[in-house]
Amino acid sequence: MTTNPIRTFSVFLLAAWMAFSAPAQAPAPGGNAVLLERAALAASKRFYLELDLSQRELRLCHTGAMIAAYAAKSLEVGSPRRFLLARVADDRWIAATWSQGHLDPPAQVHRIRIIPGDETTTPTPGTAGVEPPTLEDLIPVPPAFRIQFEGGRTLLVVLEGEIPGARMEVSSWRGRWEEFLQGLGLRPADPFRIRLRLDAVQGAALYRSFPSDPPELLVVP
């Protein structure tokens, strides 16, 4: 039996590309770990995130109170492959706090330039007054974004549906090429990644309201 070299190479590329495929294993957290982590975050008097794995919900919180909740359509946890071999996360990430979260790509505020006498430059053409622009006008949202934390931990958020307001155009090949290089071991890969699929309205709201001070994330079983 002969082997088609082109087909073999294609399978190799596909396997390397699918860096997000192996299930991550995590040690079971202690019974009081979540309560202790919540108490510490509430006392910080800063915004923080809480990801509830069982409820498939991401929450924005402050001083122990929930400010907003984003229900995920799906939630996947995986470890990247390296040289086509699955890797297992051996550190405790459940009932633990992830630090220094930041957006990738970062949010960019589009400044609206208003020229006196030029009605086409006003946010509300055809009106007597000028209404201030909203966050939907000022902050374009990509169809997918990452929340990166210290240690390479990543929360990947994929938006489903029509994004309200301004949309950020990002090449779909950017993330795929990066994962391909990670699968071959040519780029450092995240220790593991959690992928959330959110409704585009909720995902856009999360992106636009993301705290400027890098928040921490508590993962709840």
N, C-alpha and C. Protein backbone atom coordinates (compact mmCIF):
# COMPACT_ATOMS: atom_id res chain seq x y z
N MET A 1 0.85 -1.19 0.00
CA MET A 1 0.00 0.00 0.00
C MET A 1 0.88 1.23 0.00
N THR A 2 0.61 2.17 -0.89
CA THR A 2 1.41 3.39 -0.99
C THR A 2 0.77 4.51 -0.19
N THR A 3 1.61 5.41 0.25
CA THR A 3 1.14 6.54 1.04
C THR A 3 1.28 7.82 0.24
N ASN A 4 0.20 8.59 0.21
CA ASN A 4 0.22 9.87 -0.49
C ASN A 4 0.96 10.89 0.36
N PRO A 5 2.14 11.37 -0.07
CA PRO A 5 2.91 12.29 0.78
C PRO A 5 2.21 13.61 1.01
N ILE A 6 1.44 14.08 0.03
CA ILE A 6 0.72 15.34 0.19
C ILE A 6 -0.35 15.21 1.26
N ARG A 7 -1.06 14.07 1.23
CA ARG A 7 -2.11 13.85 2.22
C ARG A 7 -1.51 13.71 3.61
N THR A 8 -0.38 13.00 3.72
CA THR A 8 0.27 12.83 5.01
C THR A 8 0.70 14.16 5.59
N PHE A 9 1.28 15.01 4.74
CA PHE A 9 1.72 16.32 5.21
C PHE A 9 0.54 17.19 5.62
N SER A 10 -0.58 17.07 4.89
CA SER A 10 -1.79 17.84 5.23
C SER A 10 -2.33 17.44 6.59
N VAL A 11 -2.32 16.13 6.86
CA VAL A 11 -2.78 15.66 8.17
C VAL A 11 -1.87 16.18 9.28
N PHE A 12 -0.57 16.19 9.01
CA PHE A 12 0.39 16.71 9.99
C PHE A 12 0.12 18.18 10.29
N LEU A 13 -0.13 18.99 9.24
CA LEU A 13 -0.41 20.40 9.44
C LEU A 13 -1.70 20.60 10.22
N LEU A 14 -2.72 19.80 9.90
CA LEU A 14 -4.00 19.94 10.59
C LEU A 14 -3.85 19.61 12.07
N ALA A 15 -3.10 18.56 12.37
CA ALA A 15 -2.90 18.17 13.77
C ALA A 15 -2.13 19.24 14.53
N ALA A 16 -1.14 19.81 13.87
CA ALA A 16 -0.37 20.87 14.53
C ALA A 16 -1.21 22.10 14.73
N TRP A 17 -2.12 22.37 13.77
CA TRP A 17 -2.97 23.55 13.84
C TRP A 17 -3.95 23.45 15.00
N MET A 18 -4.47 22.25 15.23
CA MET A 18 -5.49 22.07 16.26
C MET A 18 -4.82 21.97 17.63
N ALA A 19 -4.21 23.09 18.04
CA ALA A 19 -3.49 23.11 19.31
C ALA A 19 -4.42 23.03 20.49
N PHE A 20 -5.68 23.42 20.30
CA PHE A 20 -6.64 23.44 21.41
C PHE A 20 -7.52 22.19 21.28
N SER A 21 -7.05 21.07 21.84
CA SER A 21 -7.82 19.85 21.65
C SER A 21 -7.79 18.91 22.84
N ALA A 22 -6.73 18.93 23.61
CA ALA A 22 -6.61 17.96 24.69
C ALA A 22 -7.28 18.46 25.96
N PRO A 23 -8.08 17.64 26.64
CA PRO A 23 -8.72 18.08 27.88
C PRO A 23 -7.70 18.33 28.97
N ALA A 24 -7.91 19.41 29.71
CA ALA A 24 -7.00 19.74 30.80
C ALA A 24 -7.43 19.03 32.07
N GLN A 25 -6.48 18.58 32.84
CA GLN A 25 -6.76 17.95 34.11
C GLN A 25 -6.33 18.89 35.23
N ALA A 26 -7.10 18.94 36.29
CA ALA A 26 -6.77 19.84 37.39
C ALA A 26 -6.98 19.14 38.72
N PRO A 27 -6.14 19.41 39.69
CA PRO A 27 -6.33 18.85 41.02
C PRO A 27 -7.63 19.36 41.64
N ALA A 28 -8.27 18.54 42.45
CA ALA A 28 -9.50 18.95 43.09
C ALA A 28 -9.21 20.03 44.13
N PRO A 29 -9.95 21.14 44.13
CA PRO A 29 -9.70 22.22 45.07
C PRO A 29 -10.21 21.87 46.46
N GLY A 30 -9.66 22.54 47.46
CA GLY A 30 -10.11 22.35 48.82
C GLY A 30 -11.50 22.93 49.03
N GLY A 31 -12.20 22.48 50.10
CA GLY A 31 -13.57 22.89 50.31
C GLY A 31 -13.74 24.38 50.58
N ASN A 32 -12.81 24.98 51.30
CA ASN A 32 -12.95 26.39 51.66
C ASN A 32 -12.15 27.32 50.75
N ALA A 33 -11.54 26.77 49.71
CA ALA A 33 -10.66 27.58 48.86
C ALA A 33 -11.41 28.72 48.18
N VAL A 34 -12.59 28.42 47.66
CA VAL A 34 -13.37 29.45 46.96
C VAL A 34 -13.77 30.57 47.91
N LEU A 35 -14.22 30.21 49.12
CA LEU A 35 -14.64 31.23 50.10
C LEU A 35 -13.48 32.14 50.48
N LEU A 36 -12.32 31.55 50.65
CA LEU A 36 -11.15 32.35 51.01
C LEU A 36 -10.74 33.29 49.88
N GLU A 37 -10.76 32.78 48.65
CA GLU A 37 -10.40 33.61 47.50
C GLU A 37 -11.41 34.73 47.30
N ARG A 38 -12.69 34.43 47.46
CA ARG A 38 -13.73 35.46 47.31
C ARG A 38 -13.57 36.55 48.35
N ALA A 39 -13.28 36.16 49.57
CA ALA A 39 -13.12 37.14 50.65
C ALA A 39 -11.95 38.07 50.35
N ALA A 40 -10.86 37.51 49.84
CA ALA A 40 -9.69 38.34 49.53
C ALA A 40 -9.99 39.30 48.39
N LEU A 41 -10.70 38.84 47.37
CA LEU A 41 -11.03 39.71 46.24
C LEU A 41 -12.01 40.80 46.66
N ALA A 42 -12.99 40.45 47.48
CA ALA A 42 -13.96 41.45 47.94
C ALA A 42 -13.28 42.53 48.77
N ALA A 43 -12.27 42.15 49.54
CA ALA A 43 -11.57 43.12 50.39
C ALA A 43 -10.64 44.03 49.59
N SER A 44 -10.34 43.66 48.35
CA SER A 44 -9.42 44.46 47.55
C SER A 44 -10.03 45.77 47.07
N LYS A 45 -11.37 45.85 47.09
CA LYS A 45 -12.09 47.04 46.64
C LYS A 45 -11.74 47.41 45.20
N ARG A 46 -11.57 46.38 44.37
CA ARG A 46 -11.30 46.55 42.95
C ARG A 46 -12.25 45.67 42.16
N PHE A 47 -12.41 45.99 40.88
CA PHE A 47 -13.19 45.12 40.01
C PHE A 47 -12.44 43.81 39.81
N TYR A 48 -13.19 42.71 39.75
CA TYR A 48 -12.60 41.41 39.46
C TYR A 48 -13.63 40.56 38.73
N LEU A 49 -13.15 39.49 38.12
CA LEU A 49 -14.00 38.57 37.37
C LEU A 49 -14.15 37.26 38.12
N GLU A 50 -15.29 36.62 37.91
CA GLU A 50 -15.54 35.31 38.51
C GLU A 50 -16.13 34.42 37.43
N LEU A 51 -15.47 33.29 37.16
CA LEU A 51 -15.96 32.34 36.16
C LEU A 51 -16.50 31.11 36.87
N ASP A 52 -17.80 30.88 36.73
CA ASP A 52 -18.46 29.74 37.35
C ASP A 52 -18.54 28.62 36.30
N LEU A 53 -17.75 27.56 36.51
CA LEU A 53 -17.69 26.49 35.51
C LEU A 53 -18.99 25.70 35.44
N SER A 54 -19.61 25.43 36.58
CA SER A 54 -20.85 24.63 36.59
C SER A 54 -22.02 25.40 35.99
N GLN A 55 -22.07 26.71 36.23
CA GLN A 55 -23.16 27.53 35.69
C GLN A 55 -22.83 28.08 34.30
N ARG A 56 -21.60 27.90 33.87
CA ARG A 56 -21.13 28.43 32.58
C ARG A 56 -21.44 29.93 32.49
N GLU A 57 -20.94 30.67 33.47
CA GLU A 57 -21.25 32.10 33.56
C GLU A 57 -20.01 32.87 33.99
N LEU A 58 -19.77 33.99 33.34
CA LEU A 58 -18.69 34.90 33.71
C LEU A 58 -19.31 36.13 34.34
N ARG A 59 -18.77 36.54 35.49
CA ARG A 59 -19.37 37.65 36.24
C ARG A 59 -18.33 38.74 36.47
N LEU A 60 -18.80 39.98 36.39
CA LEU A 60 -17.98 41.13 36.77
C LEU A 60 -18.43 41.56 38.16
N CYS A 61 -17.48 41.61 39.11
CA CYS A 61 -17.83 41.86 40.50
C CYS A 61 -17.00 42.99 41.08
N HIS A 62 -17.51 43.53 42.20
CA HIS A 62 -16.77 44.56 42.93
C HIS A 62 -17.19 44.48 44.39
N THR A 63 -16.21 44.40 45.27
CA THR A 63 -16.42 44.31 46.73
C THR A 63 -17.47 43.25 47.09
N GLY A 64 -17.39 42.11 46.42
CA GLY A 64 -18.27 41.00 46.74
C GLY A 64 -19.63 41.04 46.07
N ALA A 65 -19.94 42.10 45.34
CA ALA A 65 -21.25 42.22 44.68
C ALA A 65 -21.08 42.02 43.17
N MET A 66 -22.05 41.32 42.58
CA MET A 66 -22.02 41.10 41.14
C MET A 66 -22.56 42.33 40.42
N ILE A 67 -21.77 42.87 39.48
CA ILE A 67 -22.18 44.04 38.70
C ILE A 67 -22.87 43.62 37.41
N ALA A 68 -22.36 42.58 36.76
CA ALA A 68 -22.93 42.09 35.51
C ALA A 68 -22.60 40.61 35.38
N ALA A 69 -23.45 39.89 34.63
CA ALA A 69 -23.26 38.46 34.40
C ALA A 69 -23.37 38.18 32.91
N TYR A 70 -22.51 37.31 32.41
CA TYR A 70 -22.49 36.97 30.99
C TYR A 70 -22.59 35.45 30.87
N ALA A 71 -23.74 34.99 30.39
CA ALA A 71 -23.98 33.55 30.27
C ALA A 71 -23.33 33.02 29.00
N ALA A 72 -22.56 31.95 29.14
CA ALA A 72 -21.86 31.37 28.01
C ALA A 72 -22.75 30.34 27.31
N LYS A 73 -22.72 30.36 25.98
CA LYS A 73 -23.43 29.33 25.22
C LYS A 73 -22.69 28.00 25.30
N SER A 74 -21.38 28.05 25.42
CA SER A 74 -20.58 26.85 25.61
C SER A 74 -19.30 27.23 26.32
N LEU A 75 -18.70 26.25 26.98
CA LEU A 75 -17.46 26.47 27.72
C LEU A 75 -16.58 25.24 27.52
N GLU A 76 -15.36 25.46 27.05
CA GLU A 76 -14.44 24.36 26.79
C GLU A 76 -13.11 24.66 27.50
N VAL A 77 -12.56 23.63 28.10
CA VAL A 77 -11.26 23.75 28.77
C VAL A 77 -10.29 22.81 28.07
N GLY A 78 -9.14 23.32 27.68
CA GLY A 78 -8.19 22.46 26.98
C GLY A 78 -6.76 22.88 27.19
N SER A 79 -5.85 21.93 26.98
CA SER A 79 -4.41 22.20 27.00
C SER A 79 -3.91 22.18 25.57
N PRO A 80 -2.99 23.06 25.23
CA PRO A 80 -2.45 23.05 23.87
C PRO A 80 -1.53 21.86 23.66
N ARG A 81 -1.35 21.52 22.40
CA ARG A 81 -0.40 20.46 22.05
C ARG A 81 0.96 21.09 21.73
N ARG A 82 1.98 20.31 21.93
CA ARG A 82 3.34 20.74 21.58
C ARG A 82 4.01 19.59 20.86
N PHE A 83 4.44 19.84 19.65
CA PHE A 83 4.98 18.80 18.78
C PHE A 83 3.98 17.65 18.65
N LEU A 84 2.68 18.04 18.57
CA LEU A 84 1.56 17.11 18.36
C LEU A 84 1.27 16.25 19.57
N LEU A 85 1.91 16.50 20.71
CA LEU A 85 1.67 15.72 21.91
C LEU A 85 0.88 16.54 22.91
N ALA A 86 -0.12 15.93 23.52
CA ALA A 86 -0.95 16.63 24.49
C ALA A 86 -0.14 16.94 25.74
N ARG A 87 -0.40 18.10 26.32
CA ARG A 87 0.23 18.49 27.57
C ARG A 87 -0.85 18.63 28.63
N VAL A 88 -0.52 18.32 29.85
CA VAL A 88 -1.49 18.35 30.95
C VAL A 88 -1.10 19.45 31.93
N ALA A 89 -2.10 20.27 32.28
CA ALA A 89 -1.84 21.32 33.27
C ALA A 89 -1.71 20.70 34.65
N ASP A 90 -0.59 20.94 35.31
CA ASP A 90 -0.36 20.31 36.61
C ASP A 90 -0.49 21.28 37.76
N ASP A 91 -0.83 22.54 37.48
CA ASP A 91 -0.98 23.49 38.58
C ASP A 91 -2.46 23.65 38.92
N ARG A 92 -2.72 24.20 40.09
CA ARG A 92 -4.11 24.35 40.53
C ARG A 92 -4.68 25.63 39.93
N TRP A 93 -5.68 25.49 39.08
CA TRP A 93 -6.29 26.65 38.45
C TRP A 93 -7.76 26.81 38.82
N ILE A 94 -8.37 25.76 39.37
CA ILE A 94 -9.75 25.86 39.88
C ILE A 94 -9.68 26.29 41.34
N ALA A 95 -10.62 27.16 41.73
CA ALA A 95 -10.63 27.73 43.09
C ALA A 95 -9.34 28.49 43.35
N ALA A 96 -8.79 29.07 42.29
CA ALA A 96 -7.58 29.87 42.41
C ALA A 96 -7.80 31.18 41.68
N THR A 97 -7.02 32.19 42.05
CA THR A 97 -7.15 33.52 41.43
C THR A 97 -6.08 33.70 40.37
N TRP A 98 -6.51 34.07 39.18
CA TRP A 98 -5.61 34.40 38.09
C TRP A 98 -5.37 35.91 38.14
N SER A 99 -4.15 36.34 37.93
CA SER A 99 -3.80 37.74 38.14
C SER A 99 -3.52 38.48 36.83
N GLN A 100 -3.70 39.80 36.91
CA GLN A 100 -3.29 40.73 35.85
C GLN A 100 -3.93 40.43 34.49
N GLY A 101 -5.26 40.42 34.45
CA GLY A 101 -5.95 40.17 33.20
C GLY A 101 -5.95 41.39 32.28
N HIS A 102 -5.66 41.18 31.01
CA HIS A 102 -5.71 42.27 30.04
C HIS A 102 -6.23 41.76 28.70
N LEU A 103 -6.83 42.65 27.94
CA LEU A 103 -7.46 42.30 26.67
C LEU A 103 -6.43 42.16 25.55
N ASP A 104 -6.69 41.22 24.66
CA ASP A 104 -5.91 41.06 23.44
C ASP A 104 -6.87 40.72 22.31
N PRO A 105 -7.09 41.60 21.34
CA PRO A 105 -6.46 42.92 21.19
C PRO A 105 -7.01 43.92 22.20
N PRO A 106 -6.20 44.90 22.58
CA PRO A 106 -6.67 45.89 23.56
C PRO A 106 -7.76 46.77 22.99
N ALA A 107 -8.62 47.27 23.86
CA ALA A 107 -9.69 48.17 23.42
C ALA A 107 -9.10 49.48 22.93
N GLN A 108 -9.64 49.98 21.85
CA GLN A 108 -9.20 51.24 21.27
C GLN A 108 -10.40 52.19 21.19
N VAL A 109 -10.24 53.37 21.74
CA VAL A 109 -11.31 54.36 21.73
C VAL A 109 -11.18 55.20 20.46
N HIS A 110 -12.19 55.18 19.63
CA HIS A 110 -12.20 55.98 18.41
C HIS A 110 -12.68 57.40 18.74
N ARG A 111 -11.82 58.35 18.57
CA ARG A 111 -12.18 59.74 18.83
C ARG A 111 -13.01 60.28 17.67
N ILE A 112 -14.10 60.91 18.00
CA ILE A 112 -14.96 61.51 16.98
C ILE A 112 -14.62 62.99 16.84
N ARG A 113 -14.20 63.38 15.66
CA ARG A 113 -13.81 64.76 15.41
C ARG A 113 -15.01 65.55 14.90
N ILE A 114 -15.35 66.59 15.61
CA ILE A 114 -16.50 67.43 15.25
C ILE A 114 -15.97 68.76 14.72
N ILE A 115 -16.35 69.08 13.49
CA ILE A 115 -15.95 70.34 12.86
C ILE A 115 -17.13 71.30 12.90
N PRO A 116 -16.98 72.46 13.55
CA PRO A 116 -18.09 73.43 13.61
C PRO A 116 -18.57 73.80 12.21
N GLY A 117 -19.88 73.72 12.04
CA GLY A 117 -20.48 74.06 10.75
C GLY A 117 -20.59 72.90 9.78
N ASP A 118 -19.90 71.79 10.06
CA ASP A 118 -19.97 70.62 9.19
C ASP A 118 -20.87 69.58 9.84
N GLU A 119 -22.11 69.52 9.35
CA GLU A 119 -23.11 68.66 9.99
C GLU A 119 -22.76 67.18 9.88
N THR A 120 -22.00 66.81 8.84
CA THR A 120 -21.68 65.39 8.65
C THR A 120 -20.73 64.86 9.72
N THR A 121 -20.07 65.73 10.46
CA THR A 121 -19.13 65.28 11.48
C THR A 121 -19.76 65.17 12.86
N THR A 122 -21.02 65.54 13.00
CA THR A 122 -21.68 65.45 14.30
C THR A 122 -22.14 64.02 14.53
N PRO A 123 -22.17 63.56 15.77
CA PRO A 123 -22.64 62.20 16.05
C PRO A 123 -24.09 62.00 15.68
N THR A 124 -24.88 63.09 15.64
CA THR A 124 -26.31 62.98 15.32
C THR A 124 -26.66 63.96 14.20
N PRO A 125 -26.28 63.65 12.94
CA PRO A 125 -26.58 64.55 11.83
C PRO A 125 -28.08 64.83 11.70
N GLY A 126 -28.42 66.07 11.37
CA GLY A 126 -29.82 66.44 11.17
C GLY A 126 -30.53 66.91 12.41
N THR A 127 -29.86 66.93 13.55
CA THR A 127 -30.48 67.38 14.78
C THR A 127 -29.90 68.73 15.19
N ALA A 128 -30.68 69.44 15.98
CA ALA A 128 -30.24 70.78 16.39
C ALA A 128 -29.10 70.70 17.39
N GLY A 129 -29.18 69.75 18.31
CA GLY A 129 -28.13 69.62 19.30
C GLY A 129 -27.19 68.46 18.97
N VAL A 130 -26.21 68.31 19.80
CA VAL A 130 -25.23 67.24 19.61
C VAL A 130 -25.30 66.30 20.81
N GLU A 131 -25.67 65.05 20.55
CA GLU A 131 -25.72 64.06 21.61
C GLU A 131 -24.35 63.41 21.76
N PRO A 132 -23.91 63.19 22.98
CA PRO A 132 -22.59 62.57 23.17
C PRO A 132 -22.58 61.15 22.63
N PRO A 133 -21.47 60.71 22.04
CA PRO A 133 -21.39 59.34 21.52
C PRO A 133 -21.43 58.32 22.64
N THR A 134 -21.92 57.13 22.32
CA THR A 134 -22.00 56.05 23.30
C THR A 134 -20.77 55.16 23.18
N LEU A 135 -20.63 54.21 24.11
CA LEU A 135 -19.53 53.26 24.04
C LEU A 135 -19.60 52.43 22.76
N GLU A 136 -20.81 52.17 22.27
CA GLU A 136 -20.95 51.42 21.03
C GLU A 136 -20.39 52.19 19.84
N ASP A 137 -20.42 53.53 19.92
CA ASP A 137 -19.85 54.35 18.85
C ASP A 137 -18.33 54.45 18.97
N LEU A 138 -17.83 54.46 20.20
CA LEU A 138 -16.43 54.79 20.44
C LEU A 138 -15.50 53.59 20.47
N ILE A 139 -16.00 52.42 20.89
CA ILE A 139 -15.12 51.27 21.08
C ILE A 139 -15.54 50.13 20.14
N PRO A 140 -14.78 49.89 19.09
CA PRO A 140 -15.08 48.76 18.21
C PRO A 140 -14.72 47.44 18.88
N VAL A 141 -15.48 46.40 18.59
CA VAL A 141 -15.32 45.10 19.24
C VAL A 141 -14.93 44.05 18.20
N PRO A 142 -13.91 43.24 18.48
CA PRO A 142 -13.54 42.17 17.55
C PRO A 142 -14.47 40.97 17.70
N PRO A 143 -14.55 40.10 16.70
CA PRO A 143 -15.42 38.92 16.80
C PRO A 143 -14.92 37.89 17.80
N ALA A 144 -13.65 37.97 18.19
CA ALA A 144 -13.09 37.10 19.22
C ALA A 144 -11.94 37.84 19.89
N PHE A 145 -11.79 37.64 21.18
CA PHE A 145 -10.70 38.28 21.90
C PHE A 145 -10.25 37.40 23.05
N ARG A 146 -9.05 37.67 23.52
CA ARG A 146 -8.49 36.93 24.64
C ARG A 146 -8.39 37.82 25.87
N ILE A 147 -8.54 37.21 27.03
CA ILE A 147 -8.20 37.86 28.28
C ILE A 147 -7.00 37.08 28.81
N GLN A 148 -5.83 37.69 28.75
CA GLN A 148 -4.59 37.04 29.12
C GLN A 148 -4.25 37.33 30.58
N PHE A 149 -3.79 36.29 31.27
CA PHE A 149 -3.42 36.41 32.68
C PHE A 149 -1.97 35.98 32.86
N GLU A 150 -1.42 36.28 34.02
CA GLU A 150 -0.05 35.89 34.33
C GLU A 150 0.11 34.38 34.23
N GLY A 151 1.29 33.96 33.83
CA GLY A 151 1.56 32.53 33.72
C GLY A 151 1.05 31.92 32.44
N GLY A 152 0.57 32.76 31.49
CA GLY A 152 0.09 32.24 30.22
C GLY A 152 -1.32 31.70 30.23
N ARG A 153 -2.03 31.85 31.34
CA ARG A 153 -3.42 31.40 31.37
C ARG A 153 -4.28 32.32 30.51
N THR A 154 -5.19 31.73 29.76
CA THR A 154 -5.94 32.50 28.77
C THR A 154 -7.42 32.18 28.84
N LEU A 155 -8.23 33.22 28.74
CA LEU A 155 -9.67 33.09 28.57
C LEU A 155 -9.99 33.58 27.17
N LEU A 156 -10.37 32.68 26.28
CA LEU A 156 -10.69 33.04 24.90
C LEU A 156 -12.19 33.22 24.78
N VAL A 157 -12.62 34.40 24.34
CA VAL A 157 -14.05 34.72 24.22
C VAL A 157 -14.39 34.85 22.74
N VAL A 158 -15.32 34.01 22.29
CA VAL A 158 -15.77 34.02 20.89
C VAL A 158 -17.20 34.53 20.86
N LEU A 159 -17.46 35.54 20.03
CA LEU A 159 -18.78 36.15 19.96
C LEU A 159 -19.60 35.51 18.84
N GLU A 160 -20.87 35.24 19.13
CA GLU A 160 -21.77 34.66 18.14
C GLU A 160 -22.92 35.62 17.88
N GLY A 161 -23.15 35.94 16.62
CA GLY A 161 -24.23 36.86 16.25
C GLY A 161 -23.67 38.20 15.79
N GLU A 162 -24.55 39.16 15.62
CA GLU A 162 -24.20 40.48 15.12
C GLU A 162 -23.72 41.36 16.26
N ILE A 163 -22.52 41.90 16.10
CA ILE A 163 -21.96 42.78 17.12
C ILE A 163 -22.62 44.15 17.03
N PRO A 164 -23.20 44.65 18.12
CA PRO A 164 -23.83 45.97 18.08
C PRO A 164 -22.79 47.09 18.03
N GLY A 165 -23.06 48.12 17.26
CA GLY A 165 -22.15 49.26 17.20
C GLY A 165 -20.92 48.98 16.37
N ALA A 166 -19.84 49.67 16.72
CA ALA A 166 -18.60 49.59 15.95
C ALA A 166 -17.97 48.21 16.07
N ARG A 167 -17.48 47.70 14.96
CA ARG A 167 -16.86 46.37 14.91
C ARG A 167 -15.40 46.51 14.51
N MET A 168 -14.53 45.79 15.22
CA MET A 168 -13.10 45.80 14.91
C MET A 168 -12.81 44.69 13.91
N GLU A 169 -12.23 45.04 12.79
CA GLU A 169 -11.90 44.06 11.77
C GLU A 169 -10.55 43.44 12.10
N VAL A 170 -10.55 42.14 12.38
CA VAL A 170 -9.33 41.40 12.70
C VAL A 170 -9.24 40.21 11.77
N SER A 171 -8.08 40.00 11.20
CA SER A 171 -7.89 38.89 10.28
C SER A 171 -8.10 37.56 11.00
N SER A 172 -8.92 36.68 10.42
CA SER A 172 -9.17 35.37 11.02
C SER A 172 -7.92 34.49 11.00
N TRP A 173 -6.97 34.81 10.13
CA TRP A 173 -5.75 34.01 10.04
C TRP A 173 -4.77 34.34 11.16
N ARG A 174 -4.95 35.47 11.82
CA ARG A 174 -4.00 35.87 12.86
C ARG A 174 -3.94 34.83 13.98
N GLY A 175 -5.11 34.49 14.53
CA GLY A 175 -5.14 33.52 15.62
C GLY A 175 -4.80 32.12 15.17
N ARG A 176 -5.23 31.74 13.95
CA ARG A 176 -4.96 30.40 13.45
C ARG A 176 -3.48 30.18 13.20
N TRP A 177 -2.81 31.18 12.65
CA TRP A 177 -1.38 31.07 12.39
C TRP A 177 -0.61 30.97 13.70
N GLU A 178 -1.05 31.73 14.71
CA GLU A 178 -0.39 31.68 16.01
C GLU A 178 -0.54 30.29 16.62
N GLU A 179 -1.73 29.69 16.54
CA GLU A 179 -1.95 28.37 17.09
C GLU A 179 -1.16 27.31 16.32
N PHE A 180 -1.03 27.51 15.01
CA PHE A 180 -0.26 26.58 14.20
C PHE A 180 1.20 26.57 14.65
N LEU A 181 1.78 27.75 14.86
CA LEU A 181 3.17 27.84 15.30
C LEU A 181 3.34 27.28 16.71
N GLN A 182 2.32 27.47 17.56
CA GLN A 182 2.39 26.92 18.91
C GLN A 182 2.36 25.40 18.87
N GLY A 183 1.52 24.85 17.99
CA GLY A 183 1.43 23.40 17.87
C GLY A 183 2.73 22.77 17.41
N LEU A 184 3.51 23.50 16.60
CA LEU A 184 4.80 22.99 16.15
C LEU A 184 5.91 23.25 17.17
N GLY A 185 5.60 23.99 18.23
CA GLY A 185 6.61 24.29 19.22
C GLY A 185 7.49 25.47 18.86
N LEU A 186 7.07 26.24 17.84
CA LEU A 186 7.86 27.38 17.40
C LEU A 186 7.51 28.65 18.15
N ARG A 187 6.40 28.65 18.85
CA ARG A 187 5.99 29.78 19.68
C ARG A 187 5.57 29.25 21.04
N PRO A 188 5.79 30.02 22.11
CA PRO A 188 5.34 29.56 23.43
C PRO A 188 3.82 29.48 23.48
N ALA A 189 3.31 28.37 23.99
CA ALA A 189 1.87 28.14 24.05
C ALA A 189 1.34 28.37 25.46
N ASP A 190 0.07 28.73 25.55
CA ASP A 190 -0.56 28.88 26.85
C ASP A 190 -0.54 27.54 27.58
N PRO A 191 -0.32 27.52 28.90
CA PRO A 191 -0.40 26.27 29.65
C PRO A 191 -1.74 25.58 29.45
N PHE A 192 -2.80 26.35 29.45
CA PHE A 192 -4.12 25.85 29.06
C PHE A 192 -5.03 27.05 28.82
N ARG A 193 -6.15 26.77 28.24
CA ARG A 193 -7.02 27.85 27.81
C ARG A 193 -8.47 27.46 28.06
N ILE A 194 -9.27 28.44 28.45
CA ILE A 194 -10.71 28.25 28.58
C ILE A 194 -11.37 29.05 27.46
N ARG A 195 -12.19 28.38 26.68
CA ARG A 195 -12.86 29.04 25.56
C ARG A 195 -14.34 29.22 25.90
N LEU A 196 -14.80 30.47 25.85
CA LEU A 196 -16.20 30.78 26.08
C LEU A 196 -16.83 31.27 24.79
N ARG A 197 -18.03 30.83 24.52
CA ARG A 197 -18.81 31.38 23.42
C ARG A 197 -19.96 32.19 24.01
N LEU A 198 -19.97 33.49 23.71
CA LEU A 198 -20.98 34.39 24.24
C LEU A 198 -21.83 34.96 23.12
N ASP A 199 -23.05 35.29 23.46
CA ASP A 199 -23.87 36.07 22.53
C ASP A 199 -23.14 37.38 22.24
N ALA A 200 -23.20 37.83 20.98
CA ALA A 200 -22.42 39.01 20.57
C ALA A 200 -22.77 40.24 21.39
N VAL A 201 -24.02 40.40 21.79
CA VAL A 201 -24.42 41.57 22.58
C VAL A 201 -23.72 41.53 23.93
N GLN A 202 -23.74 40.36 24.59
CA GLN A 202 -23.11 40.25 25.90
C GLN A 202 -21.59 40.32 25.78
N GLY A 203 -21.05 39.68 24.76
CA GLY A 203 -19.60 39.71 24.58
C GLY A 203 -19.09 41.12 24.32
N ALA A 204 -19.84 41.88 23.52
CA ALA A 204 -19.45 43.26 23.24
C ALA A 204 -19.52 44.11 24.50
N ALA A 205 -20.55 43.87 25.32
CA ALA A 205 -20.69 44.61 26.58
C ALA A 205 -19.52 44.31 27.51
N LEU A 206 -19.09 43.04 27.56
CA LEU A 206 -17.94 42.67 28.39
C LEU A 206 -16.68 43.36 27.90
N TYR A 207 -16.46 43.36 26.59
CA TYR A 207 -15.26 43.96 26.02
C TYR A 207 -15.22 45.46 26.29
N ARG A 208 -16.36 46.13 26.10
CA ARG A 208 -16.40 47.59 26.24
C ARG A 208 -16.34 48.04 27.70
N SER A 209 -16.77 47.20 28.60
CA SER A 209 -16.78 47.58 30.02
C SER A 209 -15.62 46.95 30.79
N PHE A 210 -14.66 46.36 30.08
CA PHE A 210 -13.56 45.70 30.75
C PHE A 210 -12.77 46.71 31.58
N PRO A 211 -12.49 46.41 32.84
CA PRO A 211 -11.81 47.39 33.72
C PRO A 211 -10.45 47.80 33.19
N SER A 212 -10.14 49.08 33.30
CA SER A 212 -8.84 49.58 32.85
C SER A 212 -7.73 49.10 33.78
N ASP A 213 -8.05 48.94 35.07
CA ASP A 213 -7.08 48.38 36.01
C ASP A 213 -7.13 46.87 35.87
N PRO A 214 -6.05 46.19 35.43
CA PRO A 214 -6.09 44.76 35.13
C PRO A 214 -6.75 43.97 36.25
N PRO A 215 -7.89 43.34 35.99
CA PRO A 215 -8.61 42.61 37.03
C PRO A 215 -8.05 41.21 37.25
N GLU A 216 -8.43 40.64 38.37
CA GLU A 216 -8.11 39.24 38.65
C GLU A 216 -9.34 38.39 38.34
N LEU A 217 -9.11 37.11 38.18
CA LEU A 217 -10.19 36.17 37.85
C LEU A 217 -10.17 35.01 38.84
N LEU A 218 -11.34 34.72 39.40
CA LEU A 218 -11.51 33.56 40.27
C LEU A 218 -12.30 32.51 39.51
N VAL A 219 -11.75 31.29 39.40
CA VAL A 219 -12.44 30.20 38.72
C VAL A 219 -13.15 29.36 39.78
N VAL A 220 -14.46 29.27 39.65
CA VAL A 220 -15.29 28.55 40.62
C VAL A 220 -15.69 27.21 40.02
N PRO A 221 -15.57 26.10 40.78
CA PRO A 221 -15.95 24.77 40.25
C PRO A 221 -17.40 24.71 39.82
